[in-house]
Amino acid sequence: MCSPSSIAQSFVRSSPSRIGRNVTVRRQAALRTLSTTSSSSNLTSTSTQPEPNPHLQVLLQNPELSENDATNELRWIVSEVRSHAAKEMARGRLPPIEDERVGQLVRRRAEGEPLQYILGSTDFGPLNLLCKKPVLIPRSETAHIFTLLSQSILSSISLLSSAARPKEPLSILDLCTGSACIPLLMTHLNPLCTVVGIDNSPAAVALGNANVQKLQMSERVKVRYGNVFSDPEALLLGAQLREGGRIGMVVSNPPYIPYDQYQDLPRSVRVYESPSALLGDGLRHYEPGRGLKFYERISQVLEDLLVEEEKMVNQGWSDIPRVAVEVGLGQATEVEDILRSSKGGVVGRTEVWKDQYGSDRMVVGWSR
């Protein structure tokens, strides 16, 4: 990463108010209804000169929000409160008073808590995923680059209706899976892949499995407890692959932020999201570092995790990447060097792919 300010900009972009967050149909309806008169929530006024919205004024106590940000986020909060109320009434229960409930959520956001944790979900590409503190909140940049990766995989194989299509599904291992956003997105976009996500956080494993159940993807996505720094055989065993099984591709969005730059991240990131999911040199490394520890480890274990290239070709998966990792700003060149020096020379060439904002965001490696 090039500077603390650039990292902060990357994370700020990923807040729902700054990335043009994909609003669901339910939330789009709220955009229309919020502008109508609502005597129960006092969110609008019938006077010619409307008084300042008290909820909006509270939200603006959060220094990370502009007035436009706060206005949009208030709409999403109101939408969520009304949606929850509708569900409660459908169950024959009285919901909380709308204005009081909106006020509770607004105060949490004003104190800096990320909106995704408050609402309990976030959009990730075409998916809507559960979010829960302290598991890392999926970012739009991640969705963009892994969508590109899925498209690249599908474009390199024969038509799925053809006899020349792959003989077996592409098995993928996602290291540091967090909420399982990457496995779920890749299987959603590619009907011929299965993904196992590994994480050493019990909270992440629980949330990842909850997302798998929510999206009904349990046949193709598994989330297991495991540590990237453990023995490669233990990783494969933790993934519960068949005996002697290896995988076709390794993907990861690992922790990559150096400690000195971590201190300059927005408070909403530092206070609420797990530092172990962010710090690229580990929790105990409090000196200036490069944030590359996880990439170096991935490079060391690739040879022991990946199926041989010849077998991949025989299965119909020729010319596809064997490894793809998200990187921080300013890290791409070093990560390319790290992957090309992988044990056993399993990575013959690499490319750097950009995110939707034009920043280097992913390093992709092929065997040849």
Protein backbone atom coordinates (compact mmCIF):
# COMPACT_ATOMS: atom_id res chain seq x y z
CA MET A 1 0.00 0.00 0.00
CA CYS A 2 1.28 3.42 -0.89
CA SER A 3 0.13 5.56 2.01
CA PRO A 4 -2.20 5.60 5.01
CA SER A 5 -4.44 8.10 3.26
CA SER A 6 -4.84 5.92 0.20
CA ILE A 7 -5.77 2.94 2.38
CA ALA A 8 -8.30 5.04 4.22
CA GLN A 9 -9.79 6.10 0.89
CA SER A 10 -10.08 2.47 -0.14
CA PHE A 11 -12.01 1.57 2.99
CA VAL A 12 -14.15 4.70 2.91
CA ARG A 13 -15.12 3.89 -0.67
CA SER A 14 -16.44 0.59 0.58
CA SER A 15 -18.93 2.09 2.99
CA PRO A 16 -22.47 1.68 1.64
CA SER A 17 -22.86 5.43 1.24
CA ARG A 18 -19.82 5.85 -1.02
CA ILE A 19 -19.83 2.94 -3.42
CA GLY A 20 -23.27 3.38 -4.98
CA ARG A 21 -24.46 0.45 -2.88
CA ASN A 22 -26.81 -1.87 -4.73
CA VAL A 23 -30.13 -1.25 -3.04
CA THR A 24 -32.57 -4.13 -3.04
CA VAL A 25 -36.14 -3.79 -4.24
CA ARG A 26 -37.27 -3.49 -0.65
CA ARG A 27 -34.92 -0.58 -0.02
CA GLN A 28 -35.79 1.09 -3.29
CA ALA A 29 -39.38 1.16 -2.14
CA ALA A 30 -38.25 2.94 1.00
CA LEU A 31 -36.71 5.70 -1.11
CA ARG A 32 -40.17 6.46 -2.42
CA THR A 33 -42.05 6.09 0.84
CA LEU A 34 -39.64 8.10 2.99
CA SER A 35 -40.55 11.30 1.16
CA THR A 36 -44.24 10.88 2.00
CA THR A 37 -45.77 12.28 5.17
CA SER A 38 -45.29 9.95 8.14
CA SER A 39 -46.81 11.17 11.37
CA SER A 40 -45.57 8.07 13.22
CA SER A 41 -41.88 8.63 12.55
CA ASN A 42 -41.76 12.44 12.26
CA LEU A 43 -39.31 12.02 9.37
CA THR A 44 -41.03 14.63 7.17
CA SER A 45 -42.93 17.82 7.75
CA THR A 46 -46.03 19.18 6.05
CA SER A 47 -44.92 22.78 6.60
CA THR A 48 -43.60 24.89 3.77
CA GLN A 49 -40.27 25.22 5.56
CA PRO A 50 -39.57 21.76 6.98
CA GLU A 51 -37.73 21.61 10.27
CA PRO A 52 -34.37 19.81 10.35
CA ASN A 53 -34.85 16.07 10.63
CA PRO A 54 -33.73 15.13 14.16
CA HIS A 55 -32.50 11.68 13.07
CA LEU A 56 -30.45 13.24 10.29
CA GLN A 57 -28.89 15.69 12.73
CA VAL A 58 -27.87 12.81 15.00
CA LEU A 59 -26.33 10.90 12.07
CA LEU A 60 -24.26 13.94 11.13
CA GLN A 61 -22.47 13.63 14.48
CA ASN A 62 -20.52 10.85 12.76
CA PRO A 63 -17.56 12.68 11.18
CA GLU A 64 -17.24 10.02 8.46
CA LEU A 65 -20.60 10.97 6.95
CA SER A 66 -21.45 13.83 4.64
CA GLU A 67 -25.00 15.16 4.57
CA ASN A 68 -25.70 13.15 1.43
CA ASP A 69 -24.26 10.01 3.07
CA ALA A 70 -26.39 10.53 6.17
CA THR A 71 -29.53 11.10 4.11
CA ASN A 72 -29.05 7.86 2.18
CA GLU A 73 -28.19 5.86 5.27
CA LEU A 74 -31.28 7.15 7.09
CA ARG A 75 -33.39 5.87 4.21
CA TRP A 76 -31.82 2.42 4.50
CA ILE A 77 -32.33 2.40 8.27
CA VAL A 78 -35.99 3.35 7.92
CA SER A 79 -36.42 0.70 5.23
CA GLU A 80 -34.94 -1.97 7.48
CA VAL A 81 -37.10 -0.95 10.44
CA ARG A 82 -40.27 -1.05 8.31
CA SER A 83 -39.32 -4.38 6.77
CA HIS A 84 -38.74 -5.89 10.21
CA ALA A 85 -42.05 -4.44 11.44
CA ALA A 86 -43.90 -6.04 8.52
CA LYS A 87 -42.38 -9.43 9.33
CA GLU A 88 -43.30 -9.10 13.00
CA MET A 89 -46.91 -8.21 12.20
CA ALA A 90 -47.11 -11.14 9.78
CA ARG A 91 -46.22 -13.36 12.75
CA GLY A 92 -48.93 -11.76 14.84
CA ARG A 93 -46.53 -9.69 16.95
CA LEU A 94 -46.46 -5.98 17.65
CA PRO A 95 -43.26 -4.39 16.30
CA PRO A 96 -41.31 -1.69 18.14
CA ILE A 97 -42.51 1.88 17.71
CA GLU A 98 -40.97 3.00 14.44
CA ASP A 99 -39.54 6.33 15.53
CA GLU A 100 -37.99 4.83 18.66
CA ARG A 101 -36.42 1.96 16.76
CA VAL A 102 -35.08 4.27 14.06
CA GLY A 103 -33.58 6.44 16.79
CA GLN A 104 -31.80 3.47 18.37
CA LEU A 105 -30.18 2.45 15.09
CA VAL A 106 -29.32 6.03 14.19
CA ARG A 107 -27.48 6.50 17.49
CA ARG A 108 -25.41 3.39 16.83
CA ARG A 109 -24.41 4.74 13.42
CA ALA A 110 -23.66 8.18 14.87
CA GLU A 111 -21.23 6.51 17.28
CA GLY A 112 -19.38 5.01 14.31
CA GLU A 113 -20.71 1.49 14.03
CA PRO A 114 -20.74 0.39 10.37
CA LEU A 115 -24.17 0.44 8.77
CA GLN A 116 -23.70 -3.14 7.53
CA TYR A 117 -23.46 -4.40 11.12
CA ILE A 118 -26.48 -2.32 12.15
CA LEU A 119 -28.65 -3.61 9.30
CA GLY A 120 -27.17 -7.10 9.60
CA SER A 121 -26.50 -7.51 5.90
CA THR A 122 -24.74 -6.08 2.86
CA ASP A 123 -24.85 -6.48 -0.90
CA PHE A 124 -21.96 -8.31 -2.53
CA GLY A 125 -22.29 -8.32 -6.30
CA PRO A 126 -25.69 -9.92 -6.97
CA LEU A 127 -25.83 -11.49 -3.50
CA ASN A 128 -27.09 -10.20 -0.18
CA LEU A 129 -24.99 -11.52 2.71
CA LEU A 130 -25.36 -11.51 6.46
CA CYS A 131 -22.93 -9.25 8.33
CA LYS A 132 -22.01 -9.52 11.97
CA LYS A 133 -19.34 -7.85 14.10
CA PRO A 134 -16.37 -8.43 14.09
CA VAL A 135 -16.17 -10.41 10.83
CA LEU A 136 -14.73 -8.35 7.98
CA ILE A 137 -17.38 -6.54 5.93
CA PRO A 138 -17.24 -7.59 2.25
CA ARG A 139 -16.18 -4.72 -0.04
CA SER A 140 -17.35 -3.88 -3.52
CA GLU A 141 -13.77 -4.01 -4.83
CA THR A 142 -13.58 -7.66 -3.79
CA ALA A 143 -16.85 -8.47 -5.54
CA HIS A 144 -15.62 -6.76 -8.70
CA ILE A 145 -12.32 -8.60 -9.03
CA PHE A 146 -13.69 -12.02 -8.17
CA THR A 147 -16.45 -11.50 -10.70
CA LEU A 148 -13.71 -10.85 -13.26
CA LEU A 149 -11.96 -14.04 -12.14
CA SER A 150 -15.13 -16.11 -12.55
CA GLN A 151 -15.69 -14.66 -16.00
CA SER A 152 -12.10 -15.49 -16.96
CA ILE A 153 -12.50 -19.10 -15.85
CA LEU A 154 -15.71 -19.60 -17.80
CA SER A 155 -14.27 -17.98 -20.93
CA SER A 156 -11.34 -20.42 -20.96
CA ILE A 157 -13.39 -23.63 -21.16
CA SER A 158 -15.70 -25.22 -23.70
CA LEU A 159 -19.42 -24.48 -23.65
CA LEU A 160 -21.18 -26.17 -20.76
CA SER A 161 -23.51 -27.87 -23.27
CA SER A 162 -20.52 -29.29 -25.18
CA ALA A 163 -19.07 -32.77 -24.83
CA ALA A 164 -15.67 -31.10 -24.45
CA ARG A 165 -16.70 -29.33 -21.25
CA PRO A 166 -14.76 -30.13 -18.06
CA LYS A 167 -15.21 -33.67 -16.76
CA GLU A 168 -15.24 -32.66 -13.11
CA PRO A 169 -16.13 -29.51 -11.17
CA LEU A 170 -13.32 -27.07 -10.47
CA SER A 171 -12.38 -27.36 -6.80
CA ILE A 172 -11.33 -24.08 -5.20
CA LEU A 173 -9.86 -23.37 -1.76
CA ASP A 174 -10.49 -19.92 -0.30
CA LEU A 175 -8.03 -19.05 2.45
CA CYS A 176 -9.14 -16.48 5.08
CA THR A 177 -12.72 -16.80 3.88
CA GLY A 178 -14.39 -14.54 6.48
CA SER A 179 -18.11 -14.28 5.68
CA ALA A 180 -17.68 -16.78 2.79
CA CYS A 181 -18.43 -13.96 0.35
CA ILE A 182 -15.88 -15.17 -2.22
CA PRO A 183 -16.95 -18.86 -2.28
CA LEU A 184 -20.61 -17.88 -2.52
CA LEU A 185 -20.03 -15.38 -5.31
CA MET A 186 -17.85 -17.73 -7.36
CA THR A 187 -20.27 -20.64 -7.11
CA HIS A 188 -23.17 -18.34 -7.92
CA LEU A 189 -21.43 -17.18 -11.10
CA ASN A 190 -19.90 -20.52 -12.13
CA PRO A 191 -22.09 -23.66 -12.08
CA LEU A 192 -19.04 -25.88 -12.53
CA CYS A 193 -17.10 -25.05 -9.37
CA THR A 194 -17.17 -26.04 -5.73
CA VAL A 195 -15.44 -24.01 -3.03
CA VAL A 196 -14.20 -24.72 0.48
CA GLY A 197 -13.56 -21.66 2.62
CA ILE A 198 -11.07 -21.84 5.49
CA ASP A 199 -10.78 -19.39 8.39
CA ASN A 200 -9.20 -19.49 11.84
CA SER A 201 -11.89 -17.30 13.40
CA PRO A 202 -14.81 -19.21 14.96
CA ALA A 203 -16.99 -16.12 14.46
CA ALA A 204 -16.14 -16.07 10.75
CA VAL A 205 -16.79 -19.80 10.34
CA ALA A 206 -20.18 -19.44 12.02
CA LEU A 207 -21.15 -16.44 9.88
CA GLY A 208 -19.86 -18.08 6.71
CA ASN A 209 -21.97 -21.17 7.35
CA ALA A 210 -24.99 -18.98 8.09
CA ASN A 211 -24.53 -17.30 4.70
CA VAL A 212 -24.22 -20.69 3.00
CA GLN A 213 -27.53 -21.74 4.55
CA LYS A 214 -29.18 -18.42 3.73
CA LEU A 215 -28.32 -18.77 0.05
CA GLN A 216 -28.98 -22.54 0.01
CA MET A 217 -25.52 -23.36 -1.36
CA SER A 218 -24.52 -26.11 1.09
CA GLU A 219 -24.03 -28.69 -1.68
CA ARG A 220 -21.31 -26.63 -3.35
CA VAL A 221 -19.86 -24.41 -0.64
CA LYS A 222 -18.30 -25.59 2.62
CA VAL A 223 -16.85 -23.42 5.37
CA ARG A 224 -14.32 -25.02 7.72
CA TYR A 225 -12.09 -24.00 10.57
CA GLY A 226 -8.40 -23.92 9.59
CA ASN A 227 -5.23 -21.88 9.71
CA VAL A 228 -3.22 -20.94 6.62
CA PHE A 229 -0.05 -21.25 8.72
CA SER A 230 -0.76 -24.86 9.63
CA ASP A 231 0.68 -27.82 7.75
CA PRO A 232 -0.67 -28.06 4.17
CA GLU A 233 -1.91 -31.59 4.86
CA ALA A 234 -3.88 -30.24 7.79
CA LEU A 235 -5.40 -27.61 5.52
CA LEU A 236 -6.50 -30.27 3.03
CA LEU A 237 -7.78 -32.45 5.86
CA GLY A 238 -9.68 -29.49 7.31
CA ALA A 239 -11.23 -28.90 3.91
CA GLN A 240 -12.51 -32.49 4.14
CA LEU A 241 -11.54 -33.36 0.60
CA ARG A 242 -11.51 -36.96 -0.46
CA GLU A 243 -8.46 -38.95 0.63
CA GLY A 244 -5.39 -37.73 -1.20
CA GLY A 245 -7.40 -34.94 -2.76
CA ARG A 246 -5.93 -31.63 -3.82
CA ILE A 247 -7.56 -28.58 -5.29
CA GLY A 248 -7.54 -26.86 -8.66
CA MET A 249 -7.23 -23.25 -7.55
CA VAL A 250 -6.33 -21.23 -4.47
CA VAL A 251 -7.97 -17.86 -3.91
CA SER A 252 -7.71 -15.45 -1.01
CA ASN A 253 -8.42 -11.98 0.27
CA PRO A 254 -5.94 -12.20 3.14
CA PRO A 255 -5.09 -9.58 5.76
CA TYR A 256 -2.67 -7.17 4.09
CA ILE A 257 -2.53 -3.86 5.96
CA PRO A 258 0.75 -2.90 7.68
CA TYR A 259 0.36 -1.85 11.31
CA ASP A 260 1.49 1.75 10.83
CA GLN A 261 -1.14 2.25 8.11
CA TYR A 262 -3.79 0.40 10.11
CA GLN A 263 -3.65 3.15 12.73
CA ASP A 264 -4.74 5.69 10.11
CA LEU A 265 -7.83 3.77 8.98
CA PRO A 266 -11.29 5.23 9.74
CA ARG A 267 -12.49 4.64 13.28
CA SER A 268 -15.43 2.57 11.99
CA VAL A 269 -12.91 0.07 10.63
CA ARG A 270 -10.42 0.01 13.51
CA VAL A 271 -12.96 -0.18 16.34
CA TYR A 272 -15.51 -2.58 14.89
CA GLU A 273 -13.84 -4.93 12.37
CA SER A 274 -11.49 -7.67 13.51
CA PRO A 275 -7.85 -6.52 13.41
CA SER A 276 -6.80 -10.11 12.69
CA ALA A 277 -8.69 -9.86 9.38
CA LEU A 278 -6.87 -6.66 8.46
CA LEU A 279 -3.29 -6.70 9.76
CA GLY A 280 -1.01 -8.27 7.17
CA ASP A 281 1.92 -8.83 9.53
CA GLY A 282 -0.11 -10.39 12.33
CA LEU A 283 -1.51 -9.04 15.58
CA ARG A 284 1.83 -9.05 17.39
CA HIS A 285 3.74 -7.07 14.79
CA TYR A 286 3.69 -3.47 16.00
CA GLU A 287 6.62 -2.22 13.95
CA PRO A 288 6.62 -0.93 10.37
CA GLY A 289 6.08 -3.83 7.99
CA ARG A 290 4.94 -4.48 4.44
CA GLY A 291 1.80 -6.51 5.18
CA LEU A 292 3.00 -9.43 3.04
CA LYS A 293 3.16 -12.26 5.58
CA PHE A 294 0.09 -14.10 4.28
CA TYR A 295 1.18 -13.90 0.63
CA GLU A 296 4.53 -15.39 1.56
CA ARG A 297 2.80 -18.26 3.33
CA ILE A 298 0.44 -18.91 0.43
CA SER A 299 3.44 -19.03 -1.89
CA GLN A 300 5.08 -21.63 0.35
CA VAL A 301 2.12 -24.03 0.40
CA LEU A 302 0.80 -23.78 -3.17
CA GLU A 303 2.78 -26.77 -4.42
CA ASP A 304 1.32 -28.96 -1.66
CA LEU A 305 -2.26 -27.82 -2.27
CA LEU A 306 -2.65 -27.74 -6.05
CA VAL A 307 -3.46 -30.58 -8.44
CA GLU A 308 -0.75 -31.07 -11.08
CA GLU A 309 -1.28 -28.98 -14.21
CA GLU A 310 -1.34 -32.05 -16.47
CA LYS A 311 -4.24 -33.51 -14.49
CA MET A 312 -6.09 -30.21 -14.71
CA VAL A 313 -5.74 -30.23 -18.50
CA ASN A 314 -6.99 -33.81 -18.69
CA GLN A 315 -10.05 -32.81 -16.68
CA GLY A 316 -10.82 -30.03 -19.15
CA TRP A 317 -9.53 -27.13 -17.06
CA SER A 318 -6.67 -25.90 -19.22
CA ASP A 319 -5.29 -22.36 -19.20
CA ILE A 320 -7.11 -21.30 -16.05
CA PRO A 321 -5.44 -19.43 -13.19
CA ARG A 322 -4.13 -21.56 -10.34
CA VAL A 323 -3.97 -18.78 -7.75
CA ALA A 324 -5.66 -15.38 -7.35
CA VAL A 325 -5.23 -13.06 -4.37
CA GLU A 326 -6.56 -9.62 -3.54
CA VAL A 327 -3.83 -7.09 -2.73
CA GLY A 328 -3.60 -3.70 -1.07
CA LEU A 329 -2.62 -0.50 -2.77
CA GLY A 330 1.04 -0.51 -3.80
CA GLN A 331 1.56 -4.23 -3.08
CA ALA A 332 0.91 -5.82 -6.47
CA THR A 333 4.48 -5.90 -7.79
CA GLU A 334 5.87 -7.43 -4.61
CA VAL A 335 3.10 -10.02 -4.49
CA GLU A 336 3.80 -10.95 -8.12
CA ASP A 337 7.42 -11.59 -7.18
CA ILE A 338 6.37 -13.63 -4.16
CA LEU A 339 4.03 -15.87 -6.16
CA ARG A 340 6.48 -16.37 -9.03
CA SER A 341 9.02 -17.59 -6.49
CA SER A 342 6.58 -20.20 -5.15
CA LYS A 343 8.02 -23.47 -3.95
CA GLY A 344 8.25 -25.90 -6.86
CA GLY A 345 7.78 -23.17 -9.45
CA VAL A 346 4.04 -23.77 -9.68
CA VAL A 347 3.40 -20.18 -10.80
CA GLY A 348 4.97 -19.49 -14.18
CA ARG A 349 3.39 -16.14 -15.02
CA THR A 350 1.29 -13.50 -13.31
CA GLU A 351 -0.97 -10.58 -14.13
CA VAL A 352 -2.24 -7.64 -12.11
CA TRP A 353 -5.94 -6.85 -12.43
CA LYS A 354 -7.55 -3.55 -11.49
CA ASP A 355 -10.72 -2.90 -9.51
CA GLN A 356 -13.59 -0.70 -10.67
CA TYR A 357 -11.76 2.39 -9.39
CA GLY A 358 -8.64 1.73 -11.48
CA SER A 359 -6.45 0.55 -8.58
CA ASP A 360 -4.29 -2.58 -8.74
CA ARG A 361 -6.37 -5.02 -6.70
CA MET A 362 -5.66 -8.62 -7.67
CA VAL A 363 -2.64 -10.71 -8.61
CA VAL A 364 -3.50 -13.74 -10.73
CA GLY A 365 -1.08 -16.58 -11.40
CA TRP A 366 -0.95 -19.38 -14.00
CA SER A 367 1.27 -22.44 -14.15
CA ARG A 368 2.45 -21.49 -17.62
